[in-house]
Amino acid sequence: MRDMMIRVSSLKFSYPGGDFHLDIDSLGVERGASAAVIGPSGTGKTTLLNLISGVSVPDAGTVTTRDVEVSSLDDGARRDFRIRNIGFIFQEFELLEYLDVCDNILLPYRTSPTLELDGTVRKRVGELAEMIGISDKLQRYVHHLSQGERQRVAICRALLPSPELILADEPTGNLDPENTDKVLALLFDYVRSSGTTLVSVTH
């Protein structure tokens, strides 16, 4: 039997008062795989990532991530599970302008008691920043960064807790072709070397 990171079964989801409906009979992603969810805007790609991570819960059916049925957890347990196990890369980066690059990368450790901030974590910030080419920018603030540099900061933040699963929502949607190629190469190199599972959504 294949080792699955994600299992979705008989899922139904809709937003209250809206016309959108997402129906998935069955979906599975193996551990260590890199998978892409492709489709135009409005087809539920981001919604699917939110369901996999426990940001949202289905109206019916089950979502199992890393052998945990996240759809059955309460709000607090889903949040703790997500922070410990999932690295989320957002299309709009979701960086805080009043923090420098280093503190933006460390943000999950500042906001959640489920992660312990120690010297090892701080050392890993430097290692990731070096790997991804922003080690000289750790003390800069976000408004001094290019779009490509901002996306690299967002990737570092997602990778810092060494998650077993990375969910990337249009990770290069705001980048020019040159930076798109660089960011994708960095992300896929990390996934291959670490055995991390990657699910990315894109047009």
C-alpha atoms as a PDB file:
ATOM      1  CA  MET A   1       0.000   0.000   0.000  1.00  0.00           C
ATOM      2  CA  ARG A   2       1.372   3.404  -0.980  1.00  0.00           C
ATOM      3  CA  ASP A   3       2.359   5.817   1.786  1.00  0.00           C
ATOM      4  CA  MET A   4       0.049   8.799   1.391  1.00  0.00           C
ATOM      5  CA  MET A   5       0.612  12.298   2.748  1.00  0.00           C
ATOM      6  CA  ILE A   6      -2.867  13.514   1.744  1.00  0.00           C
ATOM      7  CA  ARG A   7      -6.145  11.648   1.372  1.00  0.00           C
ATOM      8  CA  VAL A   8      -9.401  13.349   0.432  1.00  0.00           C
ATOM      9  CA  SER A   9     -12.601  11.312   0.274  1.00  0.00           C
ATOM     10  CA  SER A  10     -16.191  12.222  -0.690  1.00  0.00           C
ATOM     11  CA  LEU A  11     -15.498  15.900  -0.020  1.00  0.00           C
ATOM     12  CA  LYS A  12     -18.153  18.559  -0.410  1.00  0.00           C
ATOM     13  CA  PHE A  13     -17.587  22.221   0.403  1.00  0.00           C
ATOM     14  CA  SER A  14     -19.440  25.476  -0.222  1.00  0.00           C
ATOM     15  CA  TYR A  15     -19.246  29.022   1.101  1.00  0.00           C
ATOM     16  CA  PRO A  16     -22.329  30.199   3.012  1.00  0.00           C
ATOM     17  CA  GLY A  17     -24.558  32.350   0.845  1.00  0.00           C
ATOM     18  CA  GLY A  18     -22.455  31.776  -2.283  1.00  0.00           C
ATOM     19  CA  ASP A  19     -22.763  29.791  -5.485  1.00  0.00           C
ATOM     20  CA  PHE A  20     -19.371  28.087  -5.250  1.00  0.00           C
ATOM     21  CA  HIS A  21     -19.319  24.329  -4.660  1.00  0.00           C
ATOM     22  CA  LEU A  22     -16.298  22.051  -4.503  1.00  0.00           C
ATOM     23  CA  ASP A  23     -16.862  18.302  -4.886  1.00  0.00           C
ATOM     24  CA  ILE A  24     -13.972  15.803  -4.820  1.00  0.00           C
ATOM     25  CA  ASP A  25     -14.734  12.087  -4.831  1.00  0.00           C
ATOM     26  CA  SER A  26     -11.166  10.988  -4.134  1.00  0.00           C
ATOM     27  CA  LEU A  27      -7.710  12.564  -4.098  1.00  0.00           C
ATOM     28  CA  GLY A  28      -4.397  11.238  -2.867  1.00  0.00           C
ATOM     29  CA  VAL A  29      -0.851  12.610  -2.794  1.00  0.00           C
ATOM     30  CA  GLU A  30       2.017  10.301  -1.855  1.00  0.00           C
ATOM     31  CA  ARG A  31       4.677  11.275   0.664  1.00  0.00           C
ATOM     32  CA  GLY A  32       7.645  12.870  -1.052  1.00  0.00           C
ATOM     33  CA  ALA A  33       5.691  13.652  -4.215  1.00  0.00           C
ATOM     34  CA  SER A  34       5.473  16.998  -5.993  1.00  0.00           C
ATOM     35  CA  ALA A  35       1.957  17.624  -7.280  1.00  0.00           C
ATOM     36  CA  ALA A  36       0.378  20.542  -9.137  1.00  0.00           C
ATOM     37  CA  VAL A  37      -3.282  21.530  -9.071  1.00  0.00           C
ATOM     38  CA  ILE A  38      -3.947  23.381 -12.318  1.00  0.00           C
ATOM     39  CA  GLY A  39      -7.001  25.370 -13.317  1.00  0.00           C
ATOM     40  CA  PRO A  40      -8.406  28.855 -13.949  1.00  0.00           C
ATOM     41  CA  SER A  41      -9.371  31.290 -11.218  1.00  0.00           C
ATOM     42  CA  GLY A  42     -12.495  30.396  -9.297  1.00  0.00           C
ATOM     43  CA  THR A  43     -12.211  26.623  -9.618  1.00  0.00           C
ATOM     44  CA  GLY A  44     -11.341  26.029  -5.966  1.00  0.00           C
ATOM     45  CA  LYS A  45      -7.566  25.610  -6.003  1.00  0.00           C
ATOM     46  CA  THR A  46      -6.906  27.815  -2.977  1.00  0.00           C
ATOM     47  CA  THR A  47      -9.953  26.364  -1.245  1.00  0.00           C
ATOM     48  CA  LEU A  48      -8.455  22.895  -1.667  1.00  0.00           C
ATOM     49  CA  LEU A  49      -5.207  23.998   0.002  1.00  0.00           C
ATOM     50  CA  ASN A  50      -7.212  25.514   2.845  1.00  0.00           C
ATOM     51  CA  LEU A  51      -9.068  22.235   3.326  1.00  0.00           C
ATOM     52  CA  ILE A  52      -5.860  20.171   3.250  1.00  0.00           C
ATOM     53  CA  SER A  53      -4.280  22.428   5.877  1.00  0.00           C
ATOM     54  CA  GLY A  54      -7.333  22.741   8.080  1.00  0.00           C
ATOM     55  CA  VAL A  55      -7.887  26.444   7.489  1.00  0.00           C
ATOM     56  CA  SER A  56     -11.346  25.383   6.297  1.00  0.00           C
ATOM     57  CA  VAL A  57     -13.400  22.264   7.009  1.00  0.00           C
ATOM     58  CA  PRO A  58     -15.612  20.411   4.524  1.00  0.00           C
ATOM     59  CA  ASP A  59     -19.390  20.259   4.695  1.00  0.00           C
ATOM     60  CA  ALA A  60     -19.104  16.505   4.148  1.00  0.00           C
ATOM     61  CA  GLY A  61     -16.374  13.923   3.588  1.00  0.00           C
ATOM     62  CA  THR A  62     -12.925  13.620   5.128  1.00  0.00           C
ATOM     63  CA  VAL A  63      -9.510  15.232   4.718  1.00  0.00           C
ATOM     64  CA  THR A  64      -6.564  13.295   6.140  1.00  0.00           C
ATOM     65  CA  THR A  65      -3.146  14.955   6.147  1.00  0.00           C
ATOM     66  CA  ARG A  66      -0.058  13.232   7.529  1.00  0.00           C
ATOM     67  CA  ASP A  67      -2.278  10.452   8.902  1.00  0.00           C
ATOM     68  CA  VAL A  68      -4.374  12.951  10.877  1.00  0.00           C
ATOM     69  CA  GLU A  69      -8.015  13.514   9.952  1.00  0.00           C
ATOM     70  CA  VAL A  70      -7.752  17.292  10.106  1.00  0.00           C
ATOM     71  CA  SER A  71     -11.386  17.735   9.121  1.00  0.00           C
ATOM     72  CA  SER A  72     -12.437  16.272  12.490  1.00  0.00           C
ATOM     73  CA  LEU A  73     -10.216  18.508  14.680  1.00  0.00           C
ATOM     74  CA  ASP A  74     -11.430  21.622  16.461  1.00  0.00           C
ATOM     75  CA  ASP A  75     -10.165  25.091  15.508  1.00  0.00           C
ATOM     76  CA  GLY A  76      -7.256  25.177  17.960  1.00  0.00           C
ATOM     77  CA  ALA A  77      -6.070  21.671  17.150  1.00  0.00           C
ATOM     78  CA  ARG A  78      -6.186  22.389  13.403  1.00  0.00           C
ATOM     79  CA  ARG A  79      -4.141  25.564  13.888  1.00  0.00           C
ATOM     80  CA  ASP A  80      -1.517  23.783  15.988  1.00  0.00           C
ATOM     81  CA  PHE A  81      -1.337  20.916  13.485  1.00  0.00           C
ATOM     82  CA  ARG A  82      -0.881  23.343  10.589  1.00  0.00           C
ATOM     83  CA  ILE A  83       1.892  25.302  12.290  1.00  0.00           C
ATOM     84  CA  ARG A  84       3.825  22.159  13.251  1.00  0.00           C
ATOM     85  CA  ASN A  85       3.479  20.216  10.019  1.00  0.00           C
ATOM     86  CA  ILE A  86       2.732  22.464   7.043  1.00  0.00           C
ATOM     87  CA  GLY A  87       4.711  25.206   5.340  1.00  0.00           C
ATOM     88  CA  PHE A  88       2.364  27.604   3.522  1.00  0.00           C
ATOM     89  CA  ILE A  89       3.713  29.792   0.701  1.00  0.00           C
ATOM     90  CA  PHE A  90       1.228  32.538  -0.150  1.00  0.00           C
ATOM     91  CA  GLN A  91       0.832  34.256  -3.519  1.00  0.00           C
ATOM     92  CA  GLU A  92       0.813  37.679  -1.856  1.00  0.00           C
ATOM     93  CA  PHE A  93       3.786  36.732   0.386  1.00  0.00           C
ATOM     94  CA  GLU A  94       1.982  37.862   3.612  1.00  0.00           C
ATOM     95  CA  LEU A  95       5.085  39.576   5.016  1.00  0.00           C
ATOM     96  CA  LEU A  96       4.864  42.181   7.798  1.00  0.00           C
ATOM     97  CA  GLU A  97       6.231  45.563   6.751  1.00  0.00           C
ATOM     98  CA  TYR A  98       7.275  46.560  10.293  1.00  0.00           C
ATOM     99  CA  LEU A  99       9.544  43.511  10.725  1.00  0.00           C
ATOM    100  CA  ASP A 100      12.919  42.943   9.115  1.00  0.00           C
ATOM    101  CA  VAL A 101      13.607  39.892   6.980  1.00  0.00           C
ATOM    102  CA  CYS A 102      14.958  37.817   9.854  1.00  0.00           C
ATOM    103  CA  ASP A 103      11.922  38.428  12.056  1.00  0.00           C
ATOM    104  CA  ASN A 104       9.542  37.759   9.153  1.00  0.00           C
ATOM    105  CA  ILE A 105      11.178  34.367   8.686  1.00  0.00           C
ATOM    106  CA  LEU A 106      10.952  33.694  12.441  1.00  0.00           C
ATOM    107  CA  LEU A 107       7.294  34.754  12.627  1.00  0.00           C
ATOM    108  CA  PRO A 108       5.803  31.234  13.109  1.00  0.00           C
ATOM    109  CA  TYR A 109       8.010  30.821  16.186  1.00  0.00           C
ATOM    110  CA  ARG A 110       6.957  34.220  17.547  1.00  0.00           C
ATOM    111  CA  THR A 111       3.242  33.546  17.236  1.00  0.00           C
ATOM    112  CA  SER A 112       2.804  29.909  18.263  1.00  0.00           C
ATOM    113  CA  PRO A 113       3.726  28.084  21.495  1.00  0.00           C
ATOM    114  CA  THR A 114       3.842  24.816  19.540  1.00  0.00           C
ATOM    115  CA  LEU A 115       7.242  25.829  18.096  1.00  0.00           C
ATOM    116  CA  GLU A 116      10.271  26.464  20.325  1.00  0.00           C
ATOM    117  CA  LEU A 117      12.601  29.259  19.298  1.00  0.00           C
ATOM    118  CA  ASP A 118      16.198  28.448  20.234  1.00  0.00           C
ATOM    119  CA  GLY A 119      19.723  28.812  18.896  1.00  0.00           C
ATOM    120  CA  THR A 120      19.289  25.915  16.481  1.00  0.00           C
ATOM    121  CA  VAL A 121      16.330  27.638  14.851  1.00  0.00           C
ATOM    122  CA  ARG A 122      18.236  30.923  14.563  1.00  0.00           C
ATOM    123  CA  LYS A 123      21.134  29.077  12.944  1.00  0.00           C
ATOM    124  CA  ARG A 124      18.740  27.469  10.463  1.00  0.00           C
ATOM    125  CA  VAL A 125      17.470  30.928   9.471  1.00  0.00           C
ATOM    126  CA  GLY A 126      20.997  31.801   8.373  1.00  0.00           C
ATOM    127  CA  GLU A 127      21.436  28.507   6.538  1.00  0.00           C
ATOM    128  CA  LEU A 128      18.151  28.861   4.648  1.00  0.00           C
ATOM    129  CA  ALA A 129      18.858  32.487   3.812  1.00  0.00           C
ATOM    130  CA  GLU A 130      22.267  31.479   2.436  1.00  0.00           C
ATOM    131  CA  MET A 131      20.769  28.632   0.420  1.00  0.00           C
ATOM    132  CA  ILE A 132      18.097  30.854  -1.093  1.00  0.00           C
ATOM    133  CA  GLY A 133      20.354  33.841  -1.739  1.00  0.00           C
ATOM    134  CA  ILE A 134      19.154  36.455   0.774  1.00  0.00           C
ATOM    135  CA  SER A 135      21.704  36.086   3.574  1.00  0.00           C
ATOM    136  CA  ASP A 136      22.854  39.687   3.029  1.00  0.00           C
ATOM    137  CA  LYS A 137      19.322  41.003   3.500  1.00  0.00           C
ATOM    138  CA  LEU A 138      18.333  39.585   6.914  1.00  0.00           C
ATOM    139  CA  GLN A 139      18.361  43.027   8.562  1.00  0.00           C
ATOM    140  CA  ARG A 140      16.476  44.792   5.772  1.00  0.00           C
ATOM    141  CA  TYR A 141      12.816  45.731   5.949  1.00  0.00           C
ATOM    142  CA  VAL A 142      10.286  44.461   3.456  1.00  0.00           C
ATOM    143  CA  HIS A 143       9.801  47.749   1.606  1.00  0.00           C
ATOM    144  CA  HIS A 144      13.481  47.633   0.580  1.00  0.00           C
ATOM    145  CA  LEU A 145      13.071  44.239  -1.151  1.00  0.00           C
ATOM    146  CA  SER A 146      12.219  43.359  -4.725  1.00  0.00           C
ATOM    147  CA  GLN A 147       9.281  41.071  -5.520  1.00  0.00           C
ATOM    148  CA  GLY A 148      11.643  38.146  -6.044  1.00  0.00           C
ATOM    149  CA  GLU A 149      13.379  38.802  -2.730  1.00  0.00           C
ATOM    150  CA  ARG A 150      10.049  39.006  -0.912  1.00  0.00           C
ATOM    151  CA  GLN A 151       9.024  35.642  -2.299  1.00  0.00           C
ATOM    152  CA  ARG A 152      12.313  34.128  -1.148  1.00  0.00           C
ATOM    153  CA  VAL A 153      11.642  35.434   2.360  1.00  0.00           C
ATOM    154  CA  ALA A 154       8.190  33.814   2.255  1.00  0.00           C
ATOM    155  CA  ILE A 155       9.741  30.526   1.161  1.00  0.00           C
ATOM    156  CA  CYS A 156      12.322  30.661   3.973  1.00  0.00           C
ATOM    157  CA  ARG A 157       9.531  31.253   6.499  1.00  0.00           C
ATOM    158  CA  ALA A 158       7.608  28.252   5.173  1.00  0.00           C
ATOM    159  CA  LEU A 159      10.668  25.985   5.243  1.00  0.00           C
ATOM    160  CA  LEU A 160      12.023  27.050   8.651  1.00  0.00           C
ATOM    161  CA  PRO A 161      10.096  24.511  10.808  1.00  0.00           C
ATOM    162  CA  SER A 162      11.187  21.699   8.415  1.00  0.00           C
ATOM    163  CA  PRO A 163       7.591  20.804   7.518  1.00  0.00           C
ATOM    164  CA  GLU A 164       6.814  17.455   5.932  1.00  0.00           C
ATOM    165  CA  LEU A 165       4.307  19.171   3.630  1.00  0.00           C
ATOM    166  CA  ILE A 166       4.595  22.416   1.674  1.00  0.00           C
ATOM    167  CA  LEU A 167       1.467  24.028   0.218  1.00  0.00           C
ATOM    168  CA  ALA A 168       2.241  26.718  -2.350  1.00  0.00           C
ATOM    169  CA  ASP A 169      -0.563  28.997  -3.544  1.00  0.00           C
ATOM    170  CA  GLU A 170       0.495  30.488  -6.896  1.00  0.00           C
ATOM    171  CA  PRO A 171       4.039  30.854  -5.508  1.00  0.00           C
ATOM    172  CA  THR A 172       5.331  32.722  -8.551  1.00  0.00           C
ATOM    173  CA  GLY A 173       2.160  34.583  -9.526  1.00  0.00           C
ATOM    174  CA  ASN A 174       3.658  38.013  -8.761  1.00  0.00           C
ATOM    175  CA  LEU A 175       7.103  37.390 -10.243  1.00  0.00           C
ATOM    176  CA  ASP A 176       8.694  38.119 -13.601  1.00  0.00           C
ATOM    177  CA  PRO A 177       9.898  35.159 -15.730  1.00  0.00           C
ATOM    178  CA  GLU A 178      13.506  35.373 -14.493  1.00  0.00           C
ATOM    179  CA  ASN A 179      12.550  35.354 -10.820  1.00  0.00           C
ATOM    180  CA  THR A 180       9.924  32.674 -11.477  1.00  0.00           C
ATOM    181  CA  ASP A 181      12.614  30.321 -12.780  1.00  0.00           C
ATOM    182  CA  LYS A 182      14.915  31.056  -9.832  1.00  0.00           C
ATOM    183  CA  VAL A 183      12.238  30.578  -7.178  1.00  0.00           C
ATOM    184  CA  LEU A 184      10.937  27.345  -8.691  1.00  0.00           C
ATOM    185  CA  ALA A 185      14.469  25.937  -8.989  1.00  0.00           C
ATOM    186  CA  LEU A 186      15.171  26.731  -5.330  1.00  0.00           C
ATOM    187  CA  LEU A 187      11.884  25.245  -4.174  1.00  0.00           C
ATOM    188  CA  PHE A 188      12.193  22.032  -6.175  1.00  0.00           C
ATOM    189  CA  ASP A 189      15.840  21.574  -5.162  1.00  0.00           C
ATOM    190  CA  TYR A 190      14.819  21.774  -1.506  1.00  0.00           C
ATOM    191  CA  VAL A 191      11.924  19.363  -1.971  1.00  0.00           C
ATOM    192  CA  ARG A 192      14.113  16.804  -3.733  1.00  0.00           C
ATOM    193  CA  SER A 193      16.923  16.989  -1.194  1.00  0.00           C
ATOM    194  CA  SER A 194      14.674  16.850   1.885  1.00  0.00           C
ATOM    195  CA  GLY A 195      12.002  14.397   0.743  1.00  0.00           C
ATOM    196  CA  THR A 196       9.308  16.969   1.515  1.00  0.00           C
ATOM    197  CA  THR A 197       5.881  16.658  -0.099  1.00  0.00           C
ATOM    198  CA  LEU A 198       4.870  19.649  -2.259  1.00  0.00           C
ATOM    199  CA  VAL A 199       1.412  20.594  -3.478  1.00  0.00           C
ATOM    200  CA  SER A 200       1.314  23.734  -5.607  1.00  0.00           C
ATOM    201  CA  VAL A 201      -1.611  25.435  -7.299  1.00  0.00           C
ATOM    202  CA  THR A 202      -1.229  27.403 -10.514  1.00  0.00           C
ATOM    203  CA  HIS A 203      -3.066  28.638 -13.571  1.00  0.00           C
END
